[in-house]
Each structure stands twice: as C-alpha cells, then as structure tokens.
Amino acid sequence: MALLDYKIATIGSHSALQILKGAKDEGFSTIVICIKGREKPYKMYNVADEIITIKDYNEFPKIQDTLLKKKAIIIPHASFITYMGHADVEKFNVPYYGNKKILKYEEDRDLERKWLKNSGLTLPKIFKSPKDIDRSVIVKFHGAKGGKGYFIAKNERDFNKKIKFHPNEKNYVIQEYILGVHMYIHYFHSSLTNEIEIMGFDKRYESNVDSLGRISSRDQLALPAEKVDPSYVIVGNMPLVVRESYLPRIIEMGENVVKQSKKMVPRGLFGPFCLETVMTPEEEISVFEISARIVAGTNPYTHGSPYTWLKYDKPMSTGRRIALEIKNAIRKNQLNKVLG
C-alpha cells in the first residue's frame, strides 16, 4: 500500500500534539481520539485531520472497527497505556507502533528492575519491607501515573504513617532515594536499521516538591503541615543538554537495554524509550525507571533537540521520528517490523 493509504492516530493527551504534528510533517493524515470537551488544543494547533470524540476511555475499544477501516496506526504514549492497561492493549486489533510484549516489563516494577539490572545498569537499593528502611526512600506505585501519590519516608514509622493515605494502593516499591541531578534520557531504537539514537534530555518540574525547594527550612516550619507535604506529580518538562563527555556512557546504556530486551521478548524493545536517571556528585548514573514508549519530556523538542539537529539537520521531534520510521517501513514493504 502507498503512504497515503495509512493514517496516524493517537489519544488526545500526553504527547499527542507532537505525535500528530510529526506525522503531518512526514505526509500522513492524522486522527486524534478525545474525551468530549478536550478537543480545543487539537483544533487550535491544526494537527488533527479528524477528531473522534468519546465519552470515556472505556469506549476506546468500541471504535476499533472505525480505526481499522481508516487504516489507522495507533501511536501509544503514557496516557494510552494508563487508560487501557497492557493486557487490553495486547488484545487491541488496530495496528500498533511498538512492541506490546514489552509493556508488562514497564508496568511491573519487579520485572522492570530485573530488566535494568540484567542490562548492567546501576540501580537504587530496593527494600523488601518497611522494617528494613535504614535511609531515605521514595515509595512509588506501579504503573505510569506521572508521579501521583509518591512519597518520601525516612523509617518504618514514617512509612506506616504516610501509606495510610493510599488505602487502595497495594502494589508499590520502596526505593532508595538518591540525591543528585535528575536526568531523563530520550532514546530511539530503529527496528529497521538496528541503530540507536539519542533524541534529547529533560528534567521535570514536580508539584509541589520543586517549589518547596525554594523555601528555607525556617519558613517551611511556619507553614501548615498540609502545605509542606511533598507531591511528585509532574506538571512540566524542561530541556537539558548534558556534558559531552557523558555521551559515550549514555549511548552504551541504551544499547545494553535494547540488547537485553531481545532476550526477554521476541524482537525486543524498539521505537522511543526513556531511561529515568539520577547523576550523583560522584558522576555515577543511577537508573530508577524505564519508559518503553514516547515520554512527555520530549515535548520541549517539537522542533527538534540539539542532538537531532546534529543527526538530521532539520526539525526532528520524537513524534516525527516515529512517523519517519513508519514511512520508511511502508516504502521498504517492512511494516511488520515496526508494528507490535
């Protein structure tokens, strides 16, 4: 089939503007699926050739036949995975960019840790029980939730006090809290060429923990307790350019993750992914999470990052890089290599 026979589709959230803009730049028609009332951004920026509205994301599977008739290819992002869940995504019949089999390794923190450890990366210590806490830890709940509900605890008593505010959360990890610079590394691995690229870096602005850092401990003590209870919900992303001397290590980290993924599932990880890291004062890079799809930290680079300019010498966002990969696969009659 020709390029124009296919359409690029995604859910209207997270990084949809970038995905749709990149698809149009590569010559695709685009579809966005929105909750009714959330269409304005996609109309304002004219990135969607068609807007399909639904009342709730539970209705998303019901429009599969519509998307199949339109020859749509779904581009997943964190909101898509969160709303659908990896089990339902695997049952989804619409052509899907990426490897569905890898999603369970991102959703389950135990599997995720095994993946990263077997890739030879440095990881924070994990505490199996609150009784074992002997240093500052961050408690994270399973799934892609944008940091919602995460909290810091300094010992078992502190943990027990704070976990009471999350009675419905049964699956969590107690992870060593490492001080340093948070650095989110955006990669792209091509299943057509087997090459890996660095697309860019970001750091995240989290509410309200980042604003608390601007208030002295003296002034924090003067605030009501509920005002100084840290929240790690991500509200935005800031671009970051790292020291060039770090790049060889960072490239190798991405290569090792992809290499290990091919031992885990057929074809392994391909497309965009992100290693979420902390750079310590000793210049050690500790990896605490992986996102096996496009991340919102790529959104500052809708026109490309310093790294993509070096490689492409034209605007190349991660969203556009996805579309370019699909276009190349269509032209080479290798679409099966990029769909999962």
Protein backbone atom coordinates (compact mmCIF):
# COMPACT_ATOMS: atom_id res chain seq x y z
CA MET A 1 0.00 0.00 0.00
CA ALA A 2 1.05 3.61 -0.53
CA LEU A 3 1.88 6.05 2.26
CA LEU A 4 -1.40 7.93 1.80
CA ASP A 5 -3.38 4.75 2.48
CA TYR A 6 -2.40 4.94 6.17
CA LYS A 7 -3.33 7.37 8.92
CA ILE A 8 -1.55 8.07 12.22
CA ALA A 9 -3.82 8.04 15.28
CA THR A 10 -3.37 8.60 19.00
CA ILE A 11 -5.29 9.54 22.13
CA GLY A 12 -5.59 13.29 22.77
CA SER A 13 -3.29 13.62 25.79
CA HIS A 14 0.36 13.45 26.93
CA SER A 15 2.41 13.96 23.72
CA ALA A 16 -0.37 13.83 21.11
CA LEU A 17 0.33 17.33 19.74
CA GLN A 18 3.92 16.36 19.00
CA ILE A 19 2.98 12.96 17.56
CA LEU A 20 0.33 14.40 15.25
CA LYS A 21 2.49 17.34 14.15
CA GLY A 22 5.37 14.95 13.36
CA ALA A 23 3.07 12.67 11.38
CA LYS A 24 1.77 15.56 9.28
CA ASP A 25 5.34 16.72 8.65
CA GLU A 26 6.03 13.28 7.18
CA GLY A 27 2.97 13.39 4.94
CA PHE A 28 0.43 11.35 6.94
CA SER A 29 -3.20 12.17 7.60
CA THR A 30 -3.90 12.20 11.33
CA ILE A 31 -6.64 11.18 13.75
CA VAL A 32 -6.95 12.13 17.41
CA ILE A 33 -9.32 10.36 19.80
CA CYS A 34 -10.50 12.74 22.54
CA ILE A 35 -12.74 12.76 25.54
CA LYS A 36 -15.64 15.04 24.59
CA GLY A 37 -14.78 18.58 25.65
CA ARG A 38 -11.00 18.20 25.28
CA GLU A 39 -10.76 18.86 21.54
CA LYS A 40 -9.65 22.52 21.69
CA PRO A 41 -5.85 22.07 21.63
CA TYR A 42 -6.03 19.85 18.54
CA LYS A 43 -8.28 22.33 16.76
CA MET A 44 -6.18 25.30 17.84
CA TYR A 45 -2.92 23.87 16.51
CA ASN A 46 -4.50 22.22 13.46
CA VAL A 47 -2.58 18.96 13.91
CA ALA A 48 -5.53 16.57 13.54
CA ASP A 49 -7.26 15.98 10.22
CA GLU A 50 -10.01 14.16 12.08
CA ILE A 51 -11.19 14.28 15.68
CA ILE A 52 -13.13 11.34 17.12
CA THR A 53 -14.79 12.08 20.44
CA ILE A 54 -15.77 9.52 23.07
CA LYS A 55 -17.42 9.95 26.46
CA ASP A 56 -14.92 7.82 28.35
CA TYR A 57 -11.72 5.94 27.56
CA ASN A 58 -13.59 2.72 28.30
CA GLU A 59 -15.27 3.30 24.94
CA PHE A 60 -11.95 3.24 23.10
CA PRO A 61 -12.11 -0.47 22.16
CA LYS A 62 -15.53 0.15 20.63
CA ILE A 63 -14.07 2.32 17.87
CA GLN A 64 -11.60 -0.34 16.72
CA ASP A 65 -13.61 -1.16 13.59
CA THR A 66 -13.73 2.53 12.67
CA LEU A 67 -9.96 2.84 13.03
CA LEU A 68 -9.36 -0.36 11.09
CA LYS A 69 -11.47 0.91 8.17
CA LYS A 70 -9.48 4.13 8.16
CA LYS A 71 -6.20 2.10 8.09
CA ALA A 72 -5.05 3.86 11.26
CA ILE A 73 -1.81 3.07 13.06
CA ILE A 74 -2.00 3.78 16.79
CA ILE A 75 0.94 5.54 18.45
CA PRO A 76 0.97 4.75 22.19
CA HIS A 77 2.02 7.12 24.95
CA ALA A 78 1.77 7.01 28.75
CA SER A 79 -1.87 8.13 28.91
CA PHE A 80 -2.83 5.46 26.38
CA ILE A 81 -1.09 2.75 28.41
CA THR A 82 -2.56 4.00 31.70
CA TYR A 83 -6.14 4.16 30.42
CA MET A 84 -6.00 0.86 28.53
CA GLY A 85 -3.65 -1.30 30.63
CA HIS A 86 -1.12 -3.59 28.97
CA ALA A 87 -3.48 -6.60 29.00
CA ASP A 88 -6.15 -4.76 26.96
CA VAL A 89 -3.51 -3.22 24.70
CA GLU A 90 -2.33 -6.72 23.77
CA LYS A 91 -5.89 -7.59 22.70
CA PHE A 92 -6.19 -4.43 20.62
CA ASN A 93 -6.64 -5.25 16.91
CA VAL A 94 -5.72 -1.88 15.38
CA PRO A 95 -2.13 -1.75 14.05
CA TYR A 96 0.07 -0.51 16.88
CA TYR A 97 3.52 1.07 16.69
CA GLY A 98 5.93 -0.64 19.08
CA ASN A 99 6.21 -4.00 20.81
CA LYS A 100 3.20 -4.73 23.01
CA LYS A 101 5.03 -7.62 24.67
CA ILE A 102 7.45 -5.23 26.38
CA LEU A 103 4.73 -3.26 28.19
CA LYS A 104 4.35 -5.68 31.12
CA TYR A 105 8.03 -5.11 31.95
CA GLU A 106 7.36 -1.40 32.31
CA GLU A 107 4.13 -1.79 34.28
CA ASP A 108 5.52 -4.30 36.80
CA ARG A 109 8.35 -2.73 38.78
CA ASP A 110 9.82 -6.10 39.75
CA LEU A 111 10.14 -7.16 36.11
CA GLU A 112 11.40 -3.70 35.22
CA ARG A 113 14.15 -3.88 37.83
CA LYS A 114 15.27 -7.30 36.63
CA TRP A 115 15.47 -5.94 33.07
CA LEU A 116 17.59 -2.94 34.08
CA LYS A 117 19.84 -4.96 36.37
CA ASN A 118 20.47 -7.57 33.68
CA SER A 119 21.39 -4.69 31.34
CA GLY A 120 24.34 -3.92 33.60
CA LEU A 121 22.95 -0.61 34.90
CA THR A 122 23.41 0.85 38.38
CA LEU A 123 20.12 0.80 40.31
CA PRO A 124 18.95 2.25 43.64
CA LYS A 125 18.60 -0.20 46.52
CA ILE A 126 15.13 -1.72 46.96
CA PHE A 127 13.74 -2.50 50.43
CA LYS A 128 11.51 -5.57 50.61
CA SER A 129 9.82 -4.49 53.84
CA PRO A 130 9.25 -1.17 55.64
CA LYS A 131 11.08 -2.77 58.58
CA ASP A 132 14.27 -2.72 56.51
CA ILE A 133 14.27 1.03 55.81
CA ASP A 134 17.56 2.47 57.09
CA ARG A 135 17.83 5.60 54.92
CA SER A 136 15.60 7.98 52.96
CA VAL A 137 13.37 6.14 50.49
CA ILE A 138 10.79 7.08 47.89
CA VAL A 139 7.66 4.94 47.68
CA LYS A 140 6.35 4.50 44.12
CA PHE A 141 3.17 2.84 42.96
CA HIS A 142 3.07 0.54 39.94
CA GLY A 143 2.03 1.88 36.54
CA ALA A 144 2.54 5.13 34.62
CA LYS A 145 0.87 7.69 36.89
CA GLY A 146 3.08 10.74 36.43
CA GLY A 147 4.41 10.61 39.99
CA LYS A 148 0.97 10.75 41.59
CA GLY A 149 0.97 9.53 45.18
CA TYR A 150 4.74 9.07 45.50
CA PHE A 151 6.10 9.94 48.92
CA ILE A 152 9.38 10.09 50.86
CA ALA A 153 9.84 8.12 54.09
CA LYS A 154 12.80 8.10 56.46
CA ASN A 155 11.99 4.98 58.52
CA GLU A 156 9.31 2.35 59.15
CA ARG A 157 7.24 4.61 61.39
CA ASP A 158 7.23 7.39 58.81
CA PHE A 159 6.27 4.89 56.08
CA ASN A 160 3.34 3.49 58.07
CA LYS A 161 2.08 6.99 58.75
CA LYS A 162 2.10 8.03 55.09
CA ILE A 163 0.91 4.80 53.44
CA LYS A 164 -2.42 5.22 55.27
CA PHE A 165 -3.26 8.00 52.80
CA HIS A 166 -3.20 5.42 49.96
CA PRO A 167 -5.54 2.63 51.13
CA ASN A 168 -6.31 1.42 47.60
CA GLU A 169 -2.68 1.07 46.52
CA LYS A 170 -1.45 -2.46 47.18
CA ASN A 171 1.41 -2.64 44.66
CA TYR A 172 4.34 -0.37 45.36
CA VAL A 173 8.12 -0.35 45.56
CA ILE A 174 10.23 1.09 48.38
CA GLN A 175 13.25 2.55 46.62
CA GLU A 176 16.36 4.23 47.98
CA TYR A 177 16.15 7.99 47.45
CA ILE A 178 19.33 9.10 45.71
CA LEU A 179 20.41 12.73 45.85
CA GLY A 180 21.67 14.19 42.60
CA VAL A 181 20.55 15.72 39.32
CA HIS A 182 17.54 14.01 37.77
CA MET A 183 18.19 13.39 34.09
CA TYR A 184 15.71 11.80 31.72
CA ILE A 185 17.35 10.34 28.60
CA HIS A 186 15.29 10.05 25.41
CA TYR A 187 16.33 7.29 23.02
CA PHE A 188 15.05 5.90 19.75
CA HIS A 189 15.87 2.40 18.52
CA SER A 190 15.13 1.56 14.91
CA SER A 191 13.92 -1.95 14.22
CA LEU A 192 14.69 -1.32 10.53
CA THR A 193 18.39 -0.42 10.89
CA ASN A 194 19.09 -1.71 14.42
CA GLU A 195 20.60 1.70 15.25
CA ILE A 196 20.08 3.63 18.46
CA GLU A 197 19.80 7.41 18.67
CA ILE A 198 19.79 9.93 21.50
CA MET A 199 16.86 12.25 20.87
CA GLY A 200 17.41 14.56 23.85
CA PHE A 201 17.27 15.01 27.61
CA ASP A 202 14.92 16.69 30.05
CA LYS A 203 14.39 17.35 33.71
CA ARG A 204 10.94 17.54 35.24
CA TYR A 205 9.16 20.12 37.31
CA GLU A 206 7.14 18.40 40.00
CA SER A 207 4.41 19.86 42.17
CA ASN A 208 4.95 20.83 44.84
CA VAL A 209 8.34 19.38 45.69
CA ASP A 210 10.22 21.76 43.37
CA SER A 211 8.58 24.87 44.77
CA LEU A 212 9.26 23.67 48.33
CA GLY A 213 12.96 23.69 47.46
CA ARG A 214 12.76 27.47 47.12
CA ILE A 215 11.54 27.88 50.70
CA SER A 216 14.01 27.81 53.59
CA SER A 217 13.52 25.21 56.34
CA ARG A 218 12.75 28.07 58.75
CA ASP A 219 9.90 29.30 56.58
CA GLN A 220 8.65 25.77 55.92
CA LEU A 221 8.22 25.30 59.66
CA ALA A 222 5.93 28.34 59.68
CA LEU A 223 3.59 26.79 57.11
CA PRO A 224 0.64 24.46 57.88
CA ALA A 225 1.63 20.78 57.64
CA GLU A 226 -0.54 20.15 54.57
CA LYS A 227 1.31 22.91 52.71
CA VAL A 228 4.72 21.27 53.09
CA ASP A 229 3.67 17.70 52.36
CA PRO A 230 5.68 16.99 49.16
CA SER A 231 3.92 15.96 45.97
CA TYR A 232 5.74 14.49 42.97
CA VAL A 233 3.06 14.98 40.31
CA ILE A 234 4.80 16.07 37.11
CA VAL A 235 3.47 19.40 35.83
CA GLY A 236 6.03 20.16 33.14
CA ASN A 237 9.35 19.38 31.49
CA MET A 238 12.47 21.45 30.93
CA PRO A 239 15.10 20.85 28.22
CA LEU A 240 18.58 19.77 29.26
CA VAL A 241 21.91 19.46 27.43
CA VAL A 242 24.44 17.22 29.18
CA ARG A 243 28.21 17.34 29.23
CA GLU A 244 29.54 15.79 26.04
CA SER A 245 31.91 13.54 27.99
CA TYR A 246 28.90 11.68 29.41
CA LEU A 247 27.55 10.69 25.99
CA PRO A 248 29.62 7.51 25.40
CA ARG A 249 28.33 6.04 28.68
CA ILE A 250 24.78 7.12 27.97
CA ILE A 251 24.79 5.63 24.46
CA GLU A 252 26.11 2.33 25.82
CA MET A 253 23.39 2.26 28.49
CA GLY A 254 20.69 2.49 25.82
CA GLU A 255 22.35 -0.16 23.68
CA ASN A 256 22.55 -2.56 26.63
CA VAL A 257 18.87 -2.08 27.48
CA VAL A 258 17.83 -2.89 23.92
CA LYS A 259 20.20 -5.89 23.75
CA GLN A 260 18.75 -7.31 26.98
CA SER A 261 15.15 -6.70 25.82
CA LYS A 262 15.71 -9.03 22.86
CA LYS A 263 16.45 -11.82 25.33
CA MET A 264 13.15 -11.13 27.09
CA VAL A 265 10.62 -10.95 24.26
CA PRO A 266 10.71 -11.59 20.50
CA ARG A 267 12.07 -8.53 18.64
CA GLY A 268 12.70 -6.74 21.93
CA LEU A 269 12.29 -3.00 22.52
CA PHE A 270 12.10 -0.67 19.54
CA GLY A 271 10.94 2.86 18.91
CA PRO A 272 11.22 5.62 21.52
CA PHE A 273 12.07 4.89 25.15
CA CYS A 274 13.42 6.76 28.15
CA LEU A 275 15.80 5.94 30.98
CA GLU A 276 14.97 7.92 34.09
CA THR A 277 18.20 8.55 35.97
CA VAL A 278 19.98 10.45 38.72
CA MET A 279 23.52 11.73 38.28
CA THR A 280 25.26 11.70 41.67
CA PRO A 281 28.04 14.10 42.79
CA GLU A 282 30.45 11.20 42.14
CA GLU A 283 29.22 11.22 38.50
CA GLU A 284 27.60 7.82 38.84
CA ILE A 285 24.41 7.39 36.80
CA SER A 286 21.75 5.54 38.76
CA VAL A 287 18.73 4.33 36.74
CA PHE A 288 15.43 4.13 38.59
CA GLU A 289 12.89 3.57 35.80
CA ILE A 290 12.40 2.90 32.12
CA SER A 291 9.52 4.12 29.96
CA ALA A 292 9.11 1.85 26.95
CA ARG A 293 7.43 4.41 24.66
CA ILE A 294 7.47 8.16 23.97
CA VAL A 295 7.65 10.32 27.11
CA ALA A 296 6.30 13.82 27.73
CA GLY A 297 9.87 15.01 28.33
CA THR A 298 10.27 15.08 24.55
CA ASN A 299 7.59 17.78 24.23
CA PRO A 300 10.01 20.72 24.60
CA TYR A 301 11.60 19.47 21.38
CA THR A 302 8.67 19.72 18.97
CA HIS A 303 11.10 21.44 16.57
CA GLY A 304 13.91 19.03 17.42
CA SER A 305 16.68 18.98 20.04
CA PRO A 306 20.38 19.91 19.73
CA TYR A 307 21.05 16.18 19.30
CA THR A 308 18.54 15.61 16.50
CA TRP A 309 19.84 18.69 14.69
CA LEU A 310 23.30 17.11 14.72
CA LYS A 311 21.96 13.98 13.02
CA TYR A 312 19.21 15.24 10.72
CA ASP A 313 19.94 18.94 10.11
CA LYS A 314 16.18 19.53 10.03
CA PRO A 315 13.40 19.63 12.64
CA MET A 316 13.06 16.11 14.06
CA SER A 317 10.96 15.62 17.16
CA THR A 318 10.49 12.15 18.61
CA GLY A 319 6.95 12.25 17.24
CA ARG A 320 8.26 12.96 13.77
CA ARG A 321 10.96 10.28 14.15
CA ILE A 322 8.19 7.72 14.81
CA ALA A 323 6.38 8.84 11.65
CA LEU A 324 9.62 8.70 9.64
CA GLU A 325 10.22 5.13 10.81
CA ILE A 326 6.71 4.10 9.77
CA LYS A 327 7.14 5.85 6.41
CA ASN A 328 10.45 4.05 5.79
CA ALA A 329 8.85 0.72 6.74
CA ILE A 330 5.99 1.29 4.28
CA ARG A 331 8.37 2.21 1.48
CA LYS A 332 10.52 -0.87 2.13
CA ASN A 333 7.45 -3.11 2.47
CA GLN A 334 8.58 -3.91 6.04
CA LEU A 335 5.66 -2.55 8.07
CA ASN A 336 5.59 -5.81 10.04
CA LYS A 337 8.94 -4.83 11.58
CA VAL A 338 7.53 -1.73 13.29
CA LEU A 339 4.11 -2.96 14.36
CA GLY A 340 3.60 -4.98 17.52
